[in-house]
Every structure is written in structure tokens, then in C-alpha cells.
PDB file of N, CA and C in Angstrom:
ATOM      1  N   MET A   1     -14.385  61.738  16.135  1.00  0.00           N
ATOM      2  CA  MET A   1     -13.257  61.637  17.022  1.00  0.00           C
ATOM      3  C   MET A   1     -12.008  61.440  16.155  1.00  0.00           C
ATOM      4  N   LYS A   2     -11.042  62.293  16.342  1.00  0.00           N
ATOM      5  CA  LYS A   2      -9.854  62.240  15.488  1.00  0.00           C
ATOM      6  C   LYS A   2      -8.853  61.189  15.956  1.00  0.00           C
ATOM      7  N   TYR A   3      -8.673  61.031  17.262  1.00  0.00           N
ATOM      8  CA  TYR A   3      -7.702  60.072  17.786  1.00  0.00           C
ATOM      9  C   TYR A   3      -8.384  59.066  18.698  1.00  0.00           C
ATOM     10  N   LEU A   4      -7.878  57.851  18.695  1.00  0.00           N
ATOM     11  CA  LEU A   4      -8.470  56.777  19.473  1.00  0.00           C
ATOM     12  C   LEU A   4      -7.370  55.928  20.107  1.00  0.00           C
ATOM     13  N   LEU A   5      -7.473  55.738  21.421  1.00  0.00           N
ATOM     14  CA  LEU A   5      -6.569  54.832  22.140  1.00  0.00           C
ATOM     15  C   LEU A   5      -7.274  53.496  22.301  1.00  0.00           C
ATOM     16  N   THR A   6      -6.580  52.406  21.999  1.00  0.00           N
ATOM     17  CA  THR A   6      -7.184  51.088  22.095  1.00  0.00           C
ATOM     18  C   THR A   6      -6.105  50.031  22.339  1.00  0.00           C
ATOM     19  N   PHE A   7      -6.554  48.851  22.739  1.00  0.00           N
ATOM     20  CA  PHE A   7      -5.652  47.711  22.885  1.00  0.00           C
ATOM     21  C   PHE A   7      -5.748  46.781  21.676  1.00  0.00           C
ATOM     22  N   GLU A   8      -6.717  47.027  20.810  1.00  0.00           N
ATOM     23  CA  GLU A   8      -6.963  46.164  19.648  1.00  0.00           C
ATOM     24  C   GLU A   8      -6.571  46.869  18.359  1.00  0.00           C
ATOM     25  N   LYS A   9      -6.148  46.086  17.348  1.00  0.00           N
ATOM     26  CA  LYS A   9      -5.831  46.647  16.043  1.00  0.00           C
ATOM     27  C   LYS A   9      -7.116  47.069  15.354  1.00  0.00           C
ATOM     28  N   LEU A  10      -7.050  48.189  14.636  1.00  0.00           N
ATOM     29  CA  LEU A  10      -8.199  48.724  13.922  1.00  0.00           C
ATOM     30  C   LEU A  10      -7.964  48.640  12.411  1.00  0.00           C
ATOM     31  N   PRO A  11      -9.037  48.685  11.603  1.00  0.00           N
ATOM     32  CA  PRO A  11      -8.898  48.588  10.146  1.00  0.00           C
ATOM     33  C   PRO A  11      -8.021  49.710   9.580  1.00  0.00           C
ATOM     34  N   GLU A  12      -7.061  49.346   8.756  1.00  0.00           N
ATOM     35  CA  GLU A  12      -6.114  50.324   8.212  1.00  0.00           C
ATOM     36  C   GLU A  12      -6.727  51.251   7.179  1.00  0.00           C
ATOM     37  N   ASP A  13      -7.891  50.890   6.617  1.00  0.00           N
ATOM     38  CA  ASP A  13      -8.514  51.769   5.628  1.00  0.00           C
ATOM     39  C   ASP A  13      -9.183  52.971   6.281  1.00  0.00           C
ATOM     40  N   LYS A  14      -9.478  52.894   7.586  1.00  0.00           N
ATOM     41  CA  LYS A  14     -10.120  53.996   8.293  1.00  0.00           C
ATOM     42  C   LYS A  14      -9.220  54.645   9.330  1.00  0.00           C
ATOM     43  N   TYR A  15      -8.265  53.908   9.849  1.00  0.00           N
ATOM     44  CA  TYR A  15      -7.429  54.392  10.952  1.00  0.00           C
ATOM     45  C   TYR A  15      -5.953  54.211  10.632  1.00  0.00           C
ATOM     46  N   LYS A  16      -5.180  55.245  10.947  1.00  0.00           N
ATOM     47  CA  LYS A  16      -3.728  55.192  10.747  1.00  0.00           C
ATOM     48  C   LYS A  16      -3.080  55.056  12.122  1.00  0.00           C
ATOM     49  N   LEU A  17      -2.233  54.043  12.280  1.00  0.00           N
ATOM     50  CA  LEU A  17      -1.514  53.861  13.542  1.00  0.00           C
ATOM     51  C   LEU A  17      -0.490  54.977  13.674  1.00  0.00           C
ATOM     52  N   VAL A  18      -0.615  55.776  14.716  1.00  0.00           N
ATOM     53  CA  VAL A  18       0.279  56.914  14.943  1.00  0.00           C
ATOM     54  C   VAL A  18       1.454  56.492  15.797  1.00  0.00           C
ATOM     55  N   MET A  19       1.167  55.749  16.886  1.00  0.00           N
ATOM     56  CA  MET A  19       2.234  55.260  17.752  1.00  0.00           C
ATOM     57  C   MET A  19       1.685  54.155  18.647  1.00  0.00           C
ATOM     58  N   SER A  20       2.579  53.432  19.266  1.00  0.00           N
ATOM     59  CA  SER A  20       2.175  52.416  20.236  1.00  0.00           C
ATOM     60  C   SER A  20       3.177  52.412  21.379  1.00  0.00           C
ATOM     61  N   GLU A  21       2.672  52.059  22.551  1.00  0.00           N
ATOM     62  CA  GLU A  21       3.527  51.920  23.731  1.00  0.00           C
ATOM     63  C   GLU A  21       2.989  50.737  24.520  1.00  0.00           C
ATOM     64  N   GLY A  22       3.808  49.698  24.612  1.00  0.00           N
ATOM     65  CA  GLY A  22       3.329  48.473  25.244  1.00  0.00           C
ATOM     66  C   GLY A  22       2.178  47.910  24.430  1.00  0.00           C
ATOM     67  N   GLU A  23       1.070  47.631  25.085  1.00  0.00           N
ATOM     68  CA  GLU A  23      -0.107  47.104  24.388  1.00  0.00           C
ATOM     69  C   GLU A  23      -1.067  48.191  23.924  1.00  0.00           C
ATOM     70  N   THR A  24      -0.779  49.455  24.254  1.00  0.00           N
ATOM     71  CA  THR A  24      -1.667  50.564  23.897  1.00  0.00           C
ATOM     72  C   THR A  24      -1.317  51.092  22.510  1.00  0.00           C
ATOM     73  N   LEU A  25      -2.362  51.239  21.666  1.00  0.00           N
ATOM     74  CA  LEU A  25      -2.197  51.726  20.307  1.00  0.00           C
ATOM     75  C   LEU A  25      -2.926  53.063  20.162  1.00  0.00           C
ATOM     76  N   LEU A  26      -2.290  54.011  19.496  1.00  0.00           N
ATOM     77  CA  LEU A  26      -2.899  55.310  19.219  1.00  0.00           C
ATOM     78  C   LEU A  26      -3.158  55.401  17.723  1.00  0.00           C
ATOM     79  N   TYR A  27      -4.438  55.556  17.363  1.00  0.00           N
ATOM     80  CA  TYR A  27      -4.826  55.646  15.959  1.00  0.00           C
ATOM     81  C   TYR A  27      -5.384  57.024  15.642  1.00  0.00           C
ATOM     82  N   GLU A  28      -5.188  57.447  14.388  1.00  0.00           N
ATOM     83  CA  GLU A  28      -5.804  58.661  13.872  1.00  0.00           C
ATOM     84  C   GLU A  28      -6.914  58.254  12.914  1.00  0.00           C
ATOM     85  N   ASN A  29      -8.098  58.781  13.124  1.00  0.00           N
ATOM     86  CA  ASN A  29      -9.233  58.505  12.262  1.00  0.00           C
ATOM     87  C   ASN A  29      -9.037  59.249  10.947  1.00  0.00           C
ATOM     88  N   GLN A  30      -8.905  58.526   9.838  1.00  0.00           N
ATOM     89  CA  GLN A  30      -8.666  59.129   8.529  1.00  0.00           C
ATOM     90  C   GLN A  30      -9.945  59.690   7.910  1.00  0.00           C
ATOM     91  N   GLN A  31     -11.111  59.359   8.484  1.00  0.00           N
ATOM     92  CA  GLN A  31     -12.380  59.810   7.925  1.00  0.00           C
ATOM     93  C   GLN A  31     -13.106  60.784   8.864  1.00  0.00           C
ATOM     94  N   VAL A  32     -12.350  61.444   9.720  1.00  0.00           N
ATOM     95  CA  VAL A  32     -12.944  62.359  10.688  1.00  0.00           C
ATOM     96  C   VAL A  32     -13.618  63.534   9.973  1.00  0.00           C
ATOM     97  N   ILE A  33     -14.747  63.975  10.519  1.00  0.00           N
ATOM     98  CA  ILE A  33     -15.445  65.142   9.989  1.00  0.00           C
ATOM     99  C   ILE A  33     -15.076  66.337  10.869  1.00  0.00           C
ATOM    100  N   LYS A  34     -14.665  67.416  10.240  1.00  0.00           N
ATOM    101  CA  LYS A  34     -14.274  68.607  10.985  1.00  0.00           C
ATOM    102  C   LYS A  34     -15.454  69.161  11.767  1.00  0.00           C
ATOM    103  N   ARG A  35     -15.178  69.834  12.872  1.00  0.00           N
ATOM    104  CA  ARG A  35     -16.239  70.400  13.712  1.00  0.00           C
ATOM    105  C   ARG A  35     -16.952  71.556  13.037  1.00  0.00           C
ATOM    106  N   ALA A  36     -16.255  72.294  12.223  1.00  0.00           N
ATOM    107  CA  ALA A  36     -16.864  73.435  11.538  1.00  0.00           C
ATOM    108  C   ALA A  36     -16.507  73.355  10.059  1.00  0.00           C
ATOM    109  N   PHE A  37     -17.483  73.638   9.232  1.00  0.00           N
ATOM    110  CA  PHE A  37     -17.262  73.628   7.799  1.00  0.00           C
ATOM    111  C   PHE A  37     -18.325  74.488   7.126  1.00  0.00           C
ATOM    112  N   LEU A  38     -18.064  74.908   5.913  1.00  0.00           N
ATOM    113  CA  LEU A  38     -19.068  75.623   5.124  1.00  0.00           C
ATOM    114  C   LEU A  38     -19.827  74.591   4.311  1.00  0.00           C
ATOM    115  N   ALA A  39     -21.119  74.520   4.512  1.00  0.00           N
ATOM    116  CA  ALA A  39     -21.938  73.551   3.798  1.00  0.00           C
ATOM    117  C   ALA A  39     -22.088  73.957   2.346  1.00  0.00           C
ATOM    118  N   GLN A  40     -21.901  73.010   1.454  1.00  0.00           N
ATOM    119  CA  GLN A  40     -22.113  73.262   0.031  1.00  0.00           C
ATOM    120  C   GLN A  40     -23.587  73.109  -0.319  1.00  0.00           C
ATOM    121  N   LYS A  41     -24.316  72.401   0.550  1.00  0.00           N
ATOM    122  CA  LYS A  41     -25.734  72.144   0.310  1.00  0.00           C
ATOM    123  C   LYS A  41     -26.460  72.117   1.648  1.00  0.00           C
ATOM    124  N   VAL A  42     -27.667  72.684   1.700  1.00  0.00           N
ATOM    125  CA  VAL A  42     -28.494  72.667   2.906  1.00  0.00           C
ATOM    126  C   VAL A  42     -29.791  71.945   2.577  1.00  0.00           C
ATOM    127  N   ILE A  43     -30.150  70.981   3.415  1.00  0.00           N
ATOM    128  CA  ILE A  43     -31.390  70.234   3.231  1.00  0.00           C
ATOM    129  C   ILE A  43     -32.285  70.511   4.429  1.00  0.00           C
ATOM    130  N   LYS A  44     -33.493  71.025   4.165  1.00  0.00           N
ATOM    131  CA  LYS A  44     -34.447  71.327   5.234  1.00  0.00           C
ATOM    132  C   LYS A  44     -35.441  70.173   5.341  1.00  0.00           C
ATOM    133  N   VAL A  45     -35.652  69.685   6.562  1.00  0.00           N
ATOM    134  CA  VAL A  45     -36.617  68.622   6.815  1.00  0.00           C
ATOM    135  C   VAL A  45     -37.639  69.115   7.837  1.00  0.00           C
ATOM    136  N   ALA A  46     -38.764  68.429   7.917  1.00  0.00           N
ATOM    137  CA  ALA A  46     -39.865  68.903   8.740  1.00  0.00           C
ATOM    138  C   ALA A  46     -39.704  68.629  10.227  1.00  0.00           C
ATOM    139  N   THR A  47     -39.063  67.510  10.580  1.00  0.00           N
ATOM    140  CA  THR A  47     -38.997  67.105  11.989  1.00  0.00           C
ATOM    141  C   THR A  47     -37.603  66.626  12.356  1.00  0.00           C
ATOM    142  N   PRO A  48     -37.287  66.596  13.639  1.00  0.00           N
ATOM    143  CA  PRO A  48     -36.002  66.032  14.069  1.00  0.00           C
ATOM    144  C   PRO A  48     -35.843  64.560  13.656  1.00  0.00           C
ATOM    145  N   GLU A  49     -36.946  63.827  13.636  1.00  0.00           N
ATOM    146  CA  GLU A  49     -36.883  62.421  13.224  1.00  0.00           C
ATOM    147  C   GLU A  49     -36.480  62.295  11.761  1.00  0.00           C
ATOM    148  N   LYS A  50     -37.056  63.167  10.919  1.00  0.00           N
ATOM    149  CA  LYS A  50     -36.679  63.178   9.499  1.00  0.00           C
ATOM    150  C   LYS A  50     -35.218  63.604   9.331  1.00  0.00           C
ATOM    151  N   ALA A  51     -34.765  64.520  10.185  1.00  0.00           N
ATOM    152  CA  ALA A  51     -33.371  64.962  10.128  1.00  0.00           C
ATOM    153  C   ALA A  51     -32.438  63.790  10.400  1.00  0.00           C
ATOM    154  N   LEU A  52     -32.759  63.000  11.419  1.00  0.00           N
ATOM    155  CA  LEU A  52     -31.926  61.843  11.751  1.00  0.00           C
ATOM    156  C   LEU A  52     -31.912  60.838  10.609  1.00  0.00           C
ATOM    157  N   GLU A  53     -33.063  60.588  10.006  1.00  0.00           N
ATOM    158  CA  GLU A  53     -33.126  59.685   8.848  1.00  0.00           C
ATOM    159  C   GLU A  53     -32.234  60.191   7.721  1.00  0.00           C
ATOM    160  N   LYS A  54     -32.321  61.488   7.444  1.00  0.00           N
ATOM    161  CA  LYS A  54     -31.536  62.078   6.352  1.00  0.00           C
ATOM    162  C   LYS A  54     -30.046  62.024   6.657  1.00  0.00           C
ATOM    163  N   ILE A  55     -29.674  62.235   7.921  1.00  0.00           N
ATOM    164  CA  ILE A  55     -28.263  62.166   8.315  1.00  0.00           C
ATOM    165  C   ILE A  55     -27.702  60.772   8.056  1.00  0.00           C
ATOM    166  N   PHE A  56     -28.460  59.741   8.427  1.00  0.00           N
ATOM    167  CA  PHE A  56     -27.998  58.369   8.163  1.00  0.00           C
ATOM    168  C   PHE A  56     -27.931  58.084   6.671  1.00  0.00           C
ATOM    169  N   GLU A  57     -28.869  58.631   5.915  1.00  0.00           N
ATOM    170  CA  GLU A  57     -28.882  58.448   4.467  1.00  0.00           C
ATOM    171  C   GLU A  57     -27.665  59.104   3.800  1.00  0.00           C
ATOM    172  N   LEU A  58     -27.255  60.254   4.323  1.00  0.00           N
ATOM    173  CA  LEU A  58     -26.146  61.022   3.740  1.00  0.00           C
ATOM    174  C   LEU A  58     -24.791  60.690   4.349  1.00  0.00           C
ATOM    175  N   ASN A  59     -24.678  59.624   5.032  1.00  0.00           N
ATOM    176  CA  ASN A  59     -23.511  59.239   5.832  1.00  0.00           C
ATOM    177  C   ASN A  59     -22.170  59.744   5.302  1.00  0.00           C
ATOM    178  N   ASP A  60     -21.828  59.448   4.066  1.00  0.00           N
ATOM    179  CA  ASP A  60     -20.502  59.801   3.541  1.00  0.00           C
ATOM    180  C   ASP A  60     -20.422  61.228   3.006  1.00  0.00           C
ATOM    181  N   LYS A  61     -21.528  61.974   3.006  1.00  0.00           N
ATOM    182  CA  LYS A  61     -21.525  63.343   2.475  1.00  0.00           C
ATOM    183  C   LYS A  61     -21.655  64.395   3.566  1.00  0.00           C
ATOM    184  N   LEU A  62     -21.600  63.988   4.825  1.00  0.00           N
ATOM    185  CA  LEU A  62     -21.864  64.914   5.917  1.00  0.00           C
ATOM    186  C   LEU A  62     -20.792  65.983   6.120  1.00  0.00           C
ATOM    187  N   SER A  63     -19.679  65.885   5.429  1.00  0.00           N
ATOM    188  CA  SER A  63     -18.665  66.935   5.570  1.00  0.00           C
ATOM    189  C   SER A  63     -18.954  68.136   4.681  1.00  0.00           C
ATOM    190  N   SER A  64     -20.001  68.038   3.821  1.00  0.00           N
ATOM    191  CA  SER A  64     -20.319  69.164   2.941  1.00  0.00           C
ATOM    192  C   SER A  64     -21.804  69.513   2.906  1.00  0.00           C
ATOM    193  N   VAL A  65     -22.632  68.769   3.661  1.00  0.00           N
ATOM    194  CA  VAL A  65     -24.080  68.980   3.647  1.00  0.00           C
ATOM    195  C   VAL A  65     -24.568  69.272   5.062  1.00  0.00           C
ATOM    196  N   ALA A  66     -25.477  70.242   5.195  1.00  0.00           N
ATOM    197  CA  ALA A  66     -26.111  70.533   6.479  1.00  0.00           C
ATOM    198  C   ALA A  66     -27.580  70.141   6.401  1.00  0.00           C
ATOM    199  N   VAL A  67     -28.056  69.434   7.427  1.00  0.00           N
ATOM    200  CA  VAL A  67     -29.472  69.074   7.528  1.00  0.00           C
ATOM    201  C   VAL A  67     -30.071  69.940   8.621  1.00  0.00           C
ATOM    202  N   VAL A  68     -31.136  70.670   8.286  1.00  0.00           N
ATOM    203  CA  VAL A  68     -31.754  71.584   9.242  1.00  0.00           C
ATOM    204  C   VAL A  68     -33.246  71.292   9.348  1.00  0.00           C
ATOM    205  N   THR A  69     -33.827  71.653  10.499  1.00  0.00           N
ATOM    206  CA  THR A  69     -35.276  71.542  10.680  1.00  0.00           C
ATOM    207  C   THR A  69     -35.876  72.934  10.699  1.00  0.00           C
ATOM    208  N   GLY A  70     -37.187  73.027  10.513  1.00  0.00           N
ATOM    209  CA  GLY A  70     -37.887  74.311  10.483  1.00  0.00           C
ATOM    210  C   GLY A  70     -37.929  74.954  11.854  1.00  0.00           C
ATOM    211  N   GLY A  71     -38.643  76.041  11.943  1.00  0.00           N
ATOM    212  CA  GLY A  71     -38.807  76.711  13.225  1.00  0.00           C
ATOM    213  C   GLY A  71     -38.200  78.088  13.254  1.00  0.00           C
ATOM    214  N   SER A  72     -37.216  78.342  12.444  1.00  0.00           N
ATOM    215  CA  SER A  72     -36.572  79.655  12.433  1.00  0.00           C
ATOM    216  C   SER A  72     -37.035  80.429  11.206  1.00  0.00           C
ATOM    217  N   GLN A  73     -37.480  81.671  11.405  1.00  0.00           N
ATOM    218  CA  GLN A  73     -37.917  82.491  10.281  1.00  0.00           C
ATOM    219  C   GLN A  73     -36.794  82.710   9.288  1.00  0.00           C
ATOM    220  N   SER A  74     -35.588  82.793   9.778  1.00  0.00           N
ATOM    221  CA  SER A  74     -34.464  83.037   8.867  1.00  0.00           C
ATOM    222  C   SER A  74     -34.276  81.878   7.900  1.00  0.00           C
ATOM    223  N   LEU A  75     -34.621  80.654   8.312  1.00  0.00           N
ATOM    224  CA  LEU A  75     -34.510  79.505   7.409  1.00  0.00           C
ATOM    225  C   LEU A  75     -35.538  79.592   6.282  1.00  0.00           C
ATOM    226  N   GLU A  76     -36.701  80.184   6.564  1.00  0.00           N
ATOM    227  CA  GLU A  76     -37.755  80.269   5.559  1.00  0.00           C
ATOM    228  C   GLU A  76     -37.319  81.120   4.365  1.00  0.00           C
ATOM    229  N   ASN A  77     -36.410  82.061   4.581  1.00  0.00           N
ATOM    230  CA  ASN A  77     -35.971  82.956   3.514  1.00  0.00           C
ATOM    231  C   ASN A  77     -34.819  82.402   2.685  1.00  0.00           C
ATOM    232  N   LEU A  78     -34.244  81.294   3.104  1.00  0.00           N
ATOM    233  CA  LEU A  78     -33.130  80.705   2.374  1.00  0.00           C
ATOM    234  C   LEU A  78     -33.635  79.948   1.145  1.00  0.00           C
ATOM    235  N   ASN A  79     -32.865  79.951   0.099  1.00  0.00           N
ATOM    236  CA  ASN A  79     -33.165  79.144  -1.073  1.00  0.00           C
ATOM    237  C   ASN A  79     -32.485  77.794  -0.856  1.00  0.00           C
ATOM    238  N   LEU A  80     -33.199  76.842  -0.305  1.00  0.00           N
ATOM    239  CA  LEU A  80     -32.627  75.547   0.045  1.00  0.00           C
ATOM    240  C   LEU A  80     -32.719  74.593  -1.133  1.00  0.00           C
ATOM    241  N   GLU A  81     -31.750  73.681  -1.192  1.00  0.00           N
ATOM    242  CA  GLU A  81     -31.665  72.716  -2.263  1.00  0.00           C
ATOM    243  C   GLU A  81     -32.825  71.731  -2.284  1.00  0.00           C
ATOM    244  N   GLU A  82     -33.239  71.275  -1.109  1.00  0.00           N
ATOM    245  CA  GLU A  82     -34.197  70.186  -1.046  1.00  0.00           C
ATOM    246  C   GLU A  82     -35.046  70.335   0.207  1.00  0.00           C
ATOM    247  N   LYS A  83     -36.299  70.017   0.113  1.00  0.00           N
ATOM    248  CA  LYS A  83     -37.177  70.003   1.285  1.00  0.00           C
ATOM    249  C   LYS A  83     -37.774  68.615   1.417  1.00  0.00           C
ATOM    250  N   CYS A  84     -37.816  68.099   2.648  1.00  0.00           N
ATOM    251  CA  CYS A  84     -38.372  66.773   2.888  1.00  0.00           C
ATOM    252  C   CYS A  84     -39.499  66.870   3.885  1.00  0.00           C
TER     253      CYS A  84
END
């Protein structure tokens, strides 16, 4: 989420105060991940559960890494960086 409306102050290392009106504060998330990006690395995992584990493990790298699960023949032909 890029913008957040709140009544409470948020940490300045993650959110930039854009404007305020009365008690309402509008913040911009400085660590937002874009909706679309070209992955620099693809990691294939066996199950959706493993995918979720890997996503939490890669927390700060998710803007350049894609985690995928099997099931598609087209994925089998890719030269993937890592398999779990």
C-alpha cells in the first residue's frame, strides 16, 4: 500500500508524512513494492506452503525475486536459480 490515512503518527523511517488536515494524517510508504517488476531471480518451491515460508524468509528482497510453485510445464523448462 503506497498511501495510508491514519490518526496516529507513524515511524519516519518507513513512512513520509505527505499532508495533514485536522487530526487526519496522510503518509506515503517509503518501502512500497511495485505491483509489477522484472524478477532478477526466480525461486521454484514444491508447495504453496513452502512458497509462503520462502516469501517471509525473503522479506526485504521481494522487489527483485519471484517465488513460484510447480504445476506449469513452462516452469519446468526454465533455468531457475534455486529449487526448494
